[in-house]
Amino acid sequence: MNVDETLDLYGLICPLPIAETAKKVKTMKSGQILEIIATDEGIEADFPSWCENTGHELIKIEKDEKEGTFKIYLKIK
């Protein structure tokens, strides 16, 4: 997948991943793709809700069990 920007949230815990993502999307243009790398397990529940509330499109969440990381892909509204 072609991404326009990557946001590394490795090691951050709730509510920082959402807060940092909210700041980042304000710097991006509509239609761009943001890749987020995170370790907070709450992200699986938090991001779908956040996207629903903000209008950004959640493309997918990939979980790497071995590494304990998540990759989230958002399309900016």
N, C-alpha and C. Protein backbone atom coordinates (compact mmCIF):
# COMPACT_ATOMS: atom_id res chain seq x y z
N MET A 1 0.85 -1.17 0.00
CA MET A 1 0.00 0.00 0.00
C MET A 1 0.90 1.24 0.00
N ASN A 2 0.56 2.18 -0.84
CA ASN A 2 1.30 3.44 -0.87
C ASN A 2 0.79 4.34 0.24
N VAL A 3 1.71 4.77 1.10
CA VAL A 3 1.34 5.67 2.18
C VAL A 3 2.00 7.02 1.95
N ASP A 4 1.34 8.07 2.39
CA ASP A 4 1.88 9.41 2.24
C ASP A 4 2.76 9.80 3.42
N GLU A 5 2.38 9.33 4.61
CA GLU A 5 3.16 9.64 5.81
C GLU A 5 3.03 8.49 6.79
N THR A 6 4.05 8.36 7.65
CA THR A 6 4.05 7.35 8.70
C THR A 6 4.20 8.05 10.05
N LEU A 7 3.40 7.61 11.01
CA LEU A 7 3.45 8.15 12.36
C LEU A 7 3.86 7.03 13.30
N ASP A 8 5.01 7.17 13.95
CA ASP A 8 5.53 6.15 14.86
C ASP A 8 5.07 6.46 16.28
N LEU A 9 4.18 5.62 16.79
CA LEU A 9 3.66 5.79 18.14
C LEU A 9 4.12 4.64 19.05
N TYR A 10 5.21 4.02 18.67
CA TYR A 10 5.75 2.88 19.41
C TYR A 10 5.97 3.26 20.88
N GLY A 11 5.43 2.47 21.78
CA GLY A 11 5.63 2.68 23.21
C GLY A 11 4.65 3.62 23.88
N LEU A 12 3.84 4.35 23.10
CA LEU A 12 2.88 5.27 23.70
C LEU A 12 1.62 4.51 24.11
N ILE A 13 1.03 4.93 25.24
CA ILE A 13 -0.20 4.31 25.71
C ILE A 13 -1.33 5.33 25.72
N CYS A 14 -2.54 4.81 25.79
CA CYS A 14 -3.76 5.62 25.76
C CYS A 14 -3.69 6.73 26.80
N PRO A 15 -4.02 7.93 26.42
CA PRO A 15 -4.69 8.40 25.21
C PRO A 15 -3.74 8.98 24.16
N LEU A 16 -2.44 8.84 24.36
CA LEU A 16 -1.47 9.48 23.46
C LEU A 16 -1.56 9.05 22.00
N PRO A 17 -1.78 7.78 21.67
CA PRO A 17 -1.87 7.44 20.24
C PRO A 17 -2.96 8.21 19.50
N ILE A 18 -4.12 8.35 20.12
CA ILE A 18 -5.21 9.10 19.49
C ILE A 18 -4.86 10.58 19.42
N ALA A 19 -4.32 11.12 20.51
CA ALA A 19 -3.97 12.55 20.54
C ALA A 19 -2.93 12.89 19.49
N GLU A 20 -1.91 12.07 19.37
CA GLU A 20 -0.85 12.32 18.38
C GLU A 20 -1.37 12.16 16.95
N THR A 21 -2.25 11.20 16.75
CA THR A 21 -2.86 11.01 15.42
C THR A 21 -3.71 12.22 15.06
N ALA A 22 -4.48 12.72 16.01
CA ALA A 22 -5.34 13.88 15.76
C ALA A 22 -4.49 15.09 15.34
N LYS A 23 -3.34 15.27 15.97
CA LYS A 23 -2.46 16.37 15.58
C LYS A 23 -1.89 16.16 14.18
N LYS A 24 -1.50 14.93 13.88
CA LYS A 24 -0.88 14.62 12.59
C LYS A 24 -1.85 14.83 11.43
N VAL A 25 -3.09 14.36 11.57
CA VAL A 25 -4.02 14.45 10.45
C VAL A 25 -4.32 15.90 10.08
N LYS A 26 -4.16 16.82 11.02
CA LYS A 26 -4.39 18.24 10.73
C LYS A 26 -3.34 18.80 9.77
N THR A 27 -2.21 18.11 9.64
CA THR A 27 -1.14 18.57 8.74
C THR A 27 -1.23 17.90 7.37
N MET A 28 -2.20 17.01 7.20
CA MET A 28 -2.30 16.24 5.96
C MET A 28 -3.48 16.70 5.11
N LYS A 29 -3.43 16.33 3.83
CA LYS A 29 -4.48 16.71 2.89
C LYS A 29 -5.51 15.59 2.75
N SER A 30 -6.70 15.99 2.38
CA SER A 30 -7.77 15.04 2.14
C SER A 30 -7.35 14.02 1.08
N GLY A 31 -7.63 12.75 1.36
CA GLY A 31 -7.30 11.68 0.43
C GLY A 31 -5.95 11.03 0.68
N GLN A 32 -5.11 11.65 1.49
CA GLN A 32 -3.80 11.06 1.77
C GLN A 32 -3.97 9.87 2.71
N ILE A 33 -2.97 8.98 2.68
CA ILE A 33 -2.97 7.79 3.51
C ILE A 33 -1.92 7.94 4.61
N LEU A 34 -2.35 7.71 5.85
CA LEU A 34 -1.46 7.75 7.00
C LEU A 34 -1.28 6.35 7.54
N GLU A 35 -0.03 5.93 7.69
CA GLU A 35 0.31 4.67 8.33
C GLU A 35 0.73 4.98 9.76
N ILE A 36 0.14 4.27 10.71
CA ILE A 36 0.46 4.46 12.12
C ILE A 36 1.04 3.16 12.65
N ILE A 37 2.16 3.27 13.34
CA ILE A 37 2.78 2.10 13.96
C ILE A 37 2.67 2.29 15.47
N ALA A 38 2.06 1.32 16.15
CA ALA A 38 1.81 1.46 17.58
C ALA A 38 1.96 0.12 18.30
N THR A 39 2.06 0.21 19.62
CA THR A 39 2.17 -0.99 20.45
C THR A 39 1.04 -1.11 21.46
N ASP A 40 0.24 -0.08 21.63
CA ASP A 40 -0.85 -0.08 22.60
C ASP A 40 -2.00 -0.96 22.10
N GLU A 41 -2.31 -2.02 22.85
CA GLU A 41 -3.35 -2.95 22.41
C GLU A 41 -4.74 -2.31 22.34
N GLY A 42 -4.95 -1.24 23.08
CA GLY A 42 -6.23 -0.55 23.05
C GLY A 42 -6.54 0.07 21.71
N ILE A 43 -5.53 0.15 20.88
CA ILE A 43 -5.68 0.79 19.57
C ILE A 43 -6.69 0.06 18.69
N GLU A 44 -6.82 -1.25 18.87
CA GLU A 44 -7.77 -2.02 18.05
C GLU A 44 -9.20 -1.56 18.28
N ALA A 45 -9.52 -1.15 19.49
CA ALA A 45 -10.87 -0.67 19.79
C ALA A 45 -10.97 0.84 19.60
N ASP A 46 -9.90 1.56 19.92
CA ASP A 46 -9.94 3.02 19.90
C ASP A 46 -10.02 3.61 18.49
N PHE A 47 -9.23 3.08 17.56
CA PHE A 47 -9.18 3.70 16.24
C PHE A 47 -10.46 3.57 15.43
N PRO A 48 -11.13 2.42 15.44
CA PRO A 48 -12.41 2.38 14.70
C PRO A 48 -13.41 3.42 15.23
N SER A 49 -13.49 3.57 16.53
CA SER A 49 -14.40 4.56 17.12
C SER A 49 -13.98 5.98 16.76
N TRP A 50 -12.68 6.25 16.86
CA TRP A 50 -12.17 7.58 16.55
C TRP A 50 -12.45 7.93 15.08
N CYS A 51 -12.22 6.98 14.19
CA CYS A 51 -12.48 7.23 12.77
C CYS A 51 -13.96 7.49 12.52
N GLU A 52 -14.81 6.73 13.17
CA GLU A 52 -16.25 6.94 13.01
C GLU A 52 -16.65 8.34 13.48
N ASN A 53 -16.05 8.80 14.56
CA ASN A 53 -16.37 10.12 15.10
C ASN A 53 -15.77 11.27 14.30
N THR A 54 -14.65 11.05 13.64
CA THR A 54 -13.95 12.13 12.93
C THR A 54 -14.18 12.13 11.43
N GLY A 55 -14.67 11.01 10.89
CA GLY A 55 -14.92 10.93 9.46
C GLY A 55 -13.76 10.41 8.63
N HIS A 56 -12.62 10.15 9.28
CA HIS A 56 -11.51 9.56 8.55
C HIS A 56 -11.82 8.09 8.29
N GLU A 57 -11.31 7.57 7.18
CA GLU A 57 -11.61 6.19 6.80
C GLU A 57 -10.54 5.24 7.34
N LEU A 58 -10.95 4.28 8.14
CA LEU A 58 -10.04 3.24 8.61
C LEU A 58 -9.94 2.19 7.51
N ILE A 59 -8.78 2.11 6.89
CA ILE A 59 -8.59 1.16 5.80
C ILE A 59 -8.37 -0.24 6.35
N LYS A 60 -7.43 -0.36 7.30
CA LYS A 60 -7.21 -1.66 7.94
C LYS A 60 -6.29 -1.51 9.14
N ILE A 61 -6.36 -2.54 10.00
CA ILE A 61 -5.46 -2.67 11.13
C ILE A 61 -4.77 -4.01 10.97
N GLU A 62 -3.44 -4.00 10.98
CA GLU A 62 -2.66 -5.22 10.91
C GLU A 62 -1.98 -5.44 12.25
N LYS A 63 -2.12 -6.65 12.80
CA LYS A 63 -1.50 -6.96 14.08
C LYS A 63 -0.37 -7.95 13.85
N ASP A 64 0.81 -7.64 14.39
CA ASP A 64 1.96 -8.55 14.32
C ASP A 64 2.15 -9.13 15.71
N GLU A 65 1.65 -10.33 15.91
CA GLU A 65 1.70 -10.99 17.22
C GLU A 65 3.14 -11.15 17.71
N LYS A 66 4.03 -11.51 16.82
CA LYS A 66 5.42 -11.76 17.18
C LYS A 66 6.10 -10.49 17.69
N GLU A 67 5.88 -9.39 16.99
CA GLU A 67 6.52 -8.11 17.33
C GLU A 67 5.74 -7.32 18.38
N GLY A 68 4.47 -7.65 18.55
CA GLY A 68 3.62 -6.91 19.48
C GLY A 68 3.28 -5.52 18.99
N THR A 69 3.17 -5.39 17.66
CA THR A 69 2.89 -4.09 17.07
C THR A 69 1.61 -4.12 16.23
N PHE A 70 1.11 -2.94 15.98
CA PHE A 70 -0.05 -2.74 15.12
C PHE A 70 0.33 -1.74 14.05
N LYS A 71 -0.17 -1.97 12.85
CA LYS A 71 -0.09 -0.98 11.79
C LYS A 71 -1.51 -0.63 11.41
N ILE A 72 -1.81 0.66 11.47
CA ILE A 72 -3.13 1.16 11.16
C ILE A 72 -3.00 2.05 9.93
N TYR A 73 -3.93 1.89 9.01
CA TYR A 73 -3.92 2.69 7.80
C TYR A 73 -5.21 3.50 7.75
N LEU A 74 -5.05 4.83 7.65
CA LEU A 74 -6.18 5.75 7.60
C LEU A 74 -6.15 6.55 6.31
N LYS A 75 -7.33 6.79 5.75
CA LYS A 75 -7.46 7.73 4.63
C LYS A 75 -8.05 9.00 5.22
N ILE A 76 -7.33 10.09 5.03
CA ILE A 76 -7.71 11.37 5.61
C ILE A 76 -8.93 11.94 4.88
N LYS A 77 -9.87 12.45 5.64
CA LYS A 77 -11.11 13.00 5.03
C LYS A 77 -10.83 14.38 4.46
